[in-house]
Amino acid sequence: MSKQDAKRGLLLVYTGDGKGKTTAALGLAVRATGRGKKVLMVQFIKSPDRTYGEKLVFDKIGIDIVQKGIGFTWTKTPEEHREALQAAWGYAKEQLLHGGYDVVIFDELNNALAIDRFPIDDVLPLEDVLETIKSRPKHIHLVITGRSAKQEIMDMADLVTEMKPIKHYYDEGIPAVLGVEF
């Protein structure tokens, strides 16, 4: 590997049905910030109307984090979700291609691309996502999280980690825990 290749931005994908995809990206964001890197996390599903622990701490330590979603697909109308996804993609794409960050995280983009309850191809086109990934400035590390990663994205990735559930307290009826899930 040449020195030039070693300095290129990597594409990392955290996917699977297990817990820990966003958490892994959060840890990477903290590590990169500790090394003086400028980090942006765009959350495609989470809504700015809710409070999340990562947002509270990232605001304190200088990591840019932006919630562009409106929550789970069953909480609003398909048209509301489509509008939010279109706005989220436009914002995320612009920020990535601008090149002002060293690390960009597209949190739950995989989930968004996997929506099948209503059409999204016209507001979040996979081909545009793939082209944007390829066209990003060469120095930017891009992290994409979420279940059901598209094969085309995994094929482009330098690293794909699949989170696999072995045991989860949800199965025992324990709901989302403050400070653990949000």
Protein backbone atom coordinates (compact mmCIF):
# COMPACT_ATOMS: atom_id res chain seq x y z
CA MET A 1 0.00 0.00 0.00
CA SER A 2 1.32 3.40 -0.90
CA LYS A 3 1.43 6.35 1.51
CA GLN A 4 -1.28 7.98 -0.58
CA ASP A 5 -3.60 4.97 -0.18
CA ALA A 6 -2.99 4.94 3.57
CA LYS A 7 -4.25 8.54 3.78
CA ARG A 8 -7.45 8.02 1.80
CA GLY A 9 -10.77 8.18 3.55
CA LEU A 10 -12.31 4.85 4.44
CA LEU A 11 -15.90 3.67 4.09
CA LEU A 12 -17.02 1.82 7.21
CA VAL A 13 -20.39 0.09 7.50
CA TYR A 14 -21.95 -1.07 10.77
CA THR A 15 -25.03 -3.20 10.11
CA GLY A 16 -26.94 -6.20 11.38
CA ASP A 17 -29.80 -6.94 13.74
CA GLY A 18 -27.78 -6.63 16.94
CA LYS A 19 -27.37 -3.63 19.19
CA GLY A 20 -24.28 -1.46 18.84
CA LYS A 21 -24.18 0.03 15.35
CA THR A 22 -24.74 3.65 16.36
CA THR A 23 -22.74 3.08 19.53
CA ALA A 24 -19.73 1.96 17.48
CA ALA A 25 -20.02 5.09 15.33
CA LEU A 26 -20.30 7.28 18.46
CA GLY A 27 -17.11 5.75 19.82
CA LEU A 28 -15.32 6.36 16.53
CA ALA A 29 -16.53 9.99 16.59
CA VAL A 30 -15.10 10.49 20.08
CA ARG A 31 -11.80 8.87 19.11
CA ALA A 32 -11.48 11.00 15.96
CA THR A 33 -12.31 14.18 17.87
CA GLY A 34 -9.66 13.28 20.43
CA ARG A 35 -7.17 13.18 17.57
CA GLY A 36 -8.17 16.63 16.37
CA LYS A 37 -10.44 15.49 13.55
CA LYS A 38 -13.61 17.41 12.70
CA VAL A 39 -16.65 15.11 12.89
CA LEU A 40 -20.26 15.34 11.72
CA MET A 41 -23.00 12.85 12.50
CA VAL A 42 -26.25 13.10 10.53
CA GLN A 43 -29.05 11.00 12.00
CA PHE A 44 -31.58 10.00 9.34
CA ILE A 45 -34.31 8.56 11.57
CA LYS A 46 -33.95 10.29 14.94
CA SER A 47 -35.99 13.45 15.39
CA PRO A 48 -34.76 16.80 16.75
CA ASP A 49 -37.99 16.85 18.79
CA ARG A 50 -36.59 14.20 21.15
CA THR A 51 -33.61 14.30 23.47
CA TYR A 52 -30.77 11.82 22.96
CA GLY A 53 -27.76 11.32 25.23
CA GLU A 54 -25.30 11.43 22.36
CA LYS A 55 -26.60 14.83 21.26
CA LEU A 56 -26.25 16.20 24.80
CA VAL A 57 -22.62 15.15 25.15
CA PHE A 58 -21.57 15.83 21.55
CA ASP A 59 -22.78 19.42 21.88
CA LYS A 60 -20.52 19.74 24.95
CA ILE A 61 -17.41 18.30 23.31
CA GLY A 62 -17.73 19.92 19.91
CA ILE A 63 -18.93 17.11 17.66
CA ASP A 64 -21.53 18.29 15.17
CA ILE A 65 -24.63 16.10 15.38
CA VAL A 66 -27.83 16.79 13.50
CA GLN A 67 -31.11 14.87 13.73
CA LYS A 68 -32.95 15.13 10.41
CA GLY A 69 -35.57 12.41 10.83
CA ILE A 70 -39.03 12.38 12.33
CA GLY A 71 -38.90 9.07 14.18
CA PHE A 72 -40.02 5.55 13.41
CA THR A 73 -41.88 4.98 10.15
CA TRP A 74 -45.12 4.16 11.96
CA THR A 75 -45.19 7.47 13.90
CA LYS A 76 -45.99 9.82 11.01
CA THR A 77 -47.48 9.67 7.53
CA PRO A 78 -45.48 8.30 4.62
CA GLU A 79 -45.44 11.75 3.03
CA GLU A 80 -44.00 13.31 6.20
CA HIS A 81 -41.26 10.67 6.23
CA ARG A 82 -40.57 11.11 2.53
CA GLU A 83 -40.16 14.87 3.00
CA ALA A 84 -37.86 14.34 5.99
CA LEU A 85 -35.75 11.77 4.12
CA GLN A 86 -35.41 14.03 1.11
CA ALA A 87 -34.31 16.94 3.31
CA ALA A 88 -31.97 14.69 5.30
CA TRP A 89 -30.32 13.33 2.15
CA GLY A 90 -29.92 16.80 0.66
CA TYR A 91 -28.28 18.07 3.85
CA ALA A 92 -26.07 14.99 4.32
CA LYS A 93 -24.91 14.97 0.71
CA GLU A 94 -24.09 18.68 0.78
CA GLN A 95 -22.09 18.35 4.00
CA LEU A 96 -20.16 15.32 2.77
CA LEU A 97 -19.27 16.80 -0.60
CA HIS A 98 -18.35 20.19 0.90
CA GLY A 99 -15.31 18.51 2.46
CA GLY A 100 -15.24 20.48 5.71
CA TYR A 101 -15.14 17.36 7.88
CA ASP A 102 -12.62 14.58 8.38
CA VAL A 103 -15.21 12.03 9.52
CA VAL A 104 -18.86 11.98 8.48
CA ILE A 105 -21.36 9.53 9.96
CA PHE A 106 -24.64 8.76 8.25
CA ASP A 107 -26.45 7.19 11.19
CA GLU A 108 -29.28 4.83 10.23
CA LEU A 109 -28.94 5.59 6.51
CA ASN A 110 -29.12 1.84 5.95
CA ASN A 111 -32.49 1.74 7.75
CA ALA A 112 -33.75 4.61 5.61
CA LEU A 113 -32.66 2.93 2.38
CA ALA A 114 -34.41 -0.28 3.45
CA ILE A 115 -37.84 1.30 4.01
CA ASP A 116 -40.45 -0.68 2.12
CA ARG A 117 -43.65 0.58 3.77
CA PHE A 118 -43.79 3.42 1.24
CA PRO A 119 -41.74 4.46 -1.82
CA ILE A 120 -38.46 6.28 -1.16
CA ASP A 121 -36.49 5.77 -4.37
CA ASP A 122 -37.41 9.22 -5.66
CA VAL A 123 -36.44 11.07 -2.45
CA LEU A 124 -33.47 8.92 -1.38
CA PRO A 125 -32.20 7.25 -4.56
CA LEU A 126 -29.70 4.45 -3.97
CA GLU A 127 -27.83 5.36 -7.18
CA ASP A 128 -27.34 8.92 -5.90
CA VAL A 129 -26.11 7.60 -2.55
CA LEU A 130 -23.61 5.32 -4.30
CA GLU A 131 -22.38 8.11 -6.57
CA THR A 132 -22.05 10.49 -3.61
CA ILE A 133 -19.99 7.95 -1.69
CA LYS A 134 -17.66 7.60 -4.69
CA SER A 135 -17.49 11.37 -5.24
CA ARG A 136 -16.73 12.41 -1.68
CA PRO A 137 -13.45 14.23 -1.06
CA LYS A 138 -10.69 11.64 -0.82
CA HIS A 139 -9.69 12.47 2.77
CA ILE A 140 -13.09 11.89 4.39
CA HIS A 141 -13.80 8.78 6.39
CA LEU A 142 -17.49 7.91 5.93
CA VAL A 143 -19.36 5.72 8.40
CA ILE A 144 -22.81 4.34 7.52
CA THR A 145 -24.88 2.61 10.18
CA GLY A 146 -28.16 0.76 10.37
CA ARG A 147 -29.83 -2.54 9.76
CA SER A 148 -30.27 -4.04 6.31
CA ALA A 149 -27.28 -2.46 4.55
CA LYS A 150 -27.60 -2.58 0.79
CA GLN A 151 -25.21 -5.03 -0.86
CA GLU A 152 -23.97 -2.29 -3.18
CA ILE A 153 -22.82 -0.21 -0.20
CA MET A 154 -21.19 -3.20 1.50
CA ASP A 155 -19.37 -4.01 -1.74
CA MET A 156 -17.87 -0.50 -1.79
CA ALA A 157 -16.90 -0.55 1.89
CA ASP A 158 -13.42 -0.96 3.32
CA LEU A 159 -14.91 -2.45 6.48
CA VAL A 160 -18.27 -4.07 7.15
CA THR A 161 -19.15 -5.13 10.67
CA GLU A 162 -22.34 -7.05 11.28
CA MET A 163 -23.80 -6.79 14.77
CA LYS A 164 -25.46 -10.11 15.62
CA PRO A 165 -27.81 -10.51 18.59
CA ILE A 166 -27.03 -13.38 20.91
CA LYS A 167 -29.13 -12.28 23.89
CA HIS A 168 -31.10 -9.08 24.47
CA TYR A 169 -33.13 -7.79 27.41
CA TYR A 170 -35.89 -6.69 24.99
CA ASP A 171 -36.71 -10.40 24.71
CA GLU A 172 -37.45 -10.36 28.46
CA GLY A 173 -39.81 -7.42 28.07
CA ILE A 174 -37.38 -4.73 29.25
CA PRO A 175 -38.02 -1.57 27.19
CA ALA A 176 -35.45 0.94 25.90
CA VAL A 177 -33.28 2.13 28.78
CA LEU A 178 -32.36 5.78 29.37
CA GLY A 179 -28.60 6.14 28.94
CA VAL A 180 -28.32 2.84 27.08
CA GLU A 181 -30.59 3.26 24.05
CA PHE A 182 -31.17 7.00 24.09
